Amino acid sequence: MAELPVAPTMEARPARYRWLMAIGRQRELSLVAIMFVLGAGVSLIAPQFLSVSNFSQVATLAAIVAVAAVGEAIVIITRGIDLSVEAMIGLVAYSVARTLELQVLDPIGAIAMGLAIGLLLGMVNGFIVTVLKVPAIVATLGTLSIFRGIDYVIAGADQVPLAGLPEGFTDWARADVLGIPVFVLVTIVVVAIGMVLLRSTRFGRQVYAVGSNPEAAAILGIPSRLVVFVAFSACGLLAGLAGIMWVMEFGTINGTAATGTTLAVVAAVVVGGVNTLGGTGTLAGAAIGALFLGFIANALILVGLSQFWLQAIYGLVILVAIAGDQVIRRSVQRANTRSGAR
């Protein structure tokens, strides 16, 4: 009887493919290494780049994008995408700020309201994608305009000034615990909870299964539509949290808050190693990707380059990360095919 072909082991693969796989699986470590190199280079021109105060400021700003990126990563792992994330952040930010200015709710109540609004908006996206079966990119492109339009209607030409917020509400953006910014701690908690849910629960395994192979997931009886719906809902919830953090960080809020943030969020997710084809990636990688892009933005400022370069860099980062993933994937597939044929 002929023997069945055995999948090649890691040791059986050529060395060049082993290191390609290692890079693909350890994107987080690669980003950390690049940040160290970037820091050393920029510090030669701007020594304050590596100062504790600058690092704290960059990490605090990056934390807002990182929280939203964690939600976006969950959606992308399921082979979806949410382009409305900036509109959800903006709508929550203005709603919370206006509520506090009018003293309709106390800060705790306003924060709870913001999270509820974010969750509701995420559920709307999930409903359109899973029940109405509209492709995610089309659905969320539409809700991006709808949510932003609602924000404009509510805000009009008005804005909520910093003086209109309760005293001490924005202090959290500059507070720290044992020298670690509170926003960074919030991000760490969000990432830790998300990773436990994705790695150690049945739902988490279903998220990766749906993203890896939707047809196989359906055969196994996995409720794919429910999984995708929950993923979009989680993205909305975390966008709501990011919106609350936005108010604390910037204070003055109008109807254009968070405009352009979607590109930064998606770039953070992709550069952090979450594959746009779904099924692979980590939430920690998405958060580190946000920090990486935050350092790039800060470096541009310190070396005196225009911030207009930042949008181009975000786009370039997305293209390079996706192209790199495709090269690694095809190289590994060829290595598997050649090794299996021997």
Foldseek 3Di string as FASTA:
>chain_A
DDDDFDFDDLVLFDPVLNVLVVCLAPLLVVLVVVLVVVQVVLCVVVVCLPPLVNLQLLLLVLLLLLLLLLLQLLLLQLLAGALQLLLLLQLLLQQLLVCQLVVVDDNVVSLVVLLVSLLVLLLVLLCCCQVVVDGRVVSNVVVSVVSLVVQCVVFPPHKRALVSHDPPLLCLSVDDDPSHRNSNVVSVVSQVVSQCCLPPHPLNVLSLVSLVDVVVSVVVVNPSSVSSSVSSSSSSSSSSVSSSSQCSNPVMGGSCGSPPSSLLSVLLSLSLNRASSHNDGGSVSSSSSSSSLSSVQVSCVSNVHDSVVSSVVSVVSNVVSNVSVVVSVVVNVVSSVVSSVD
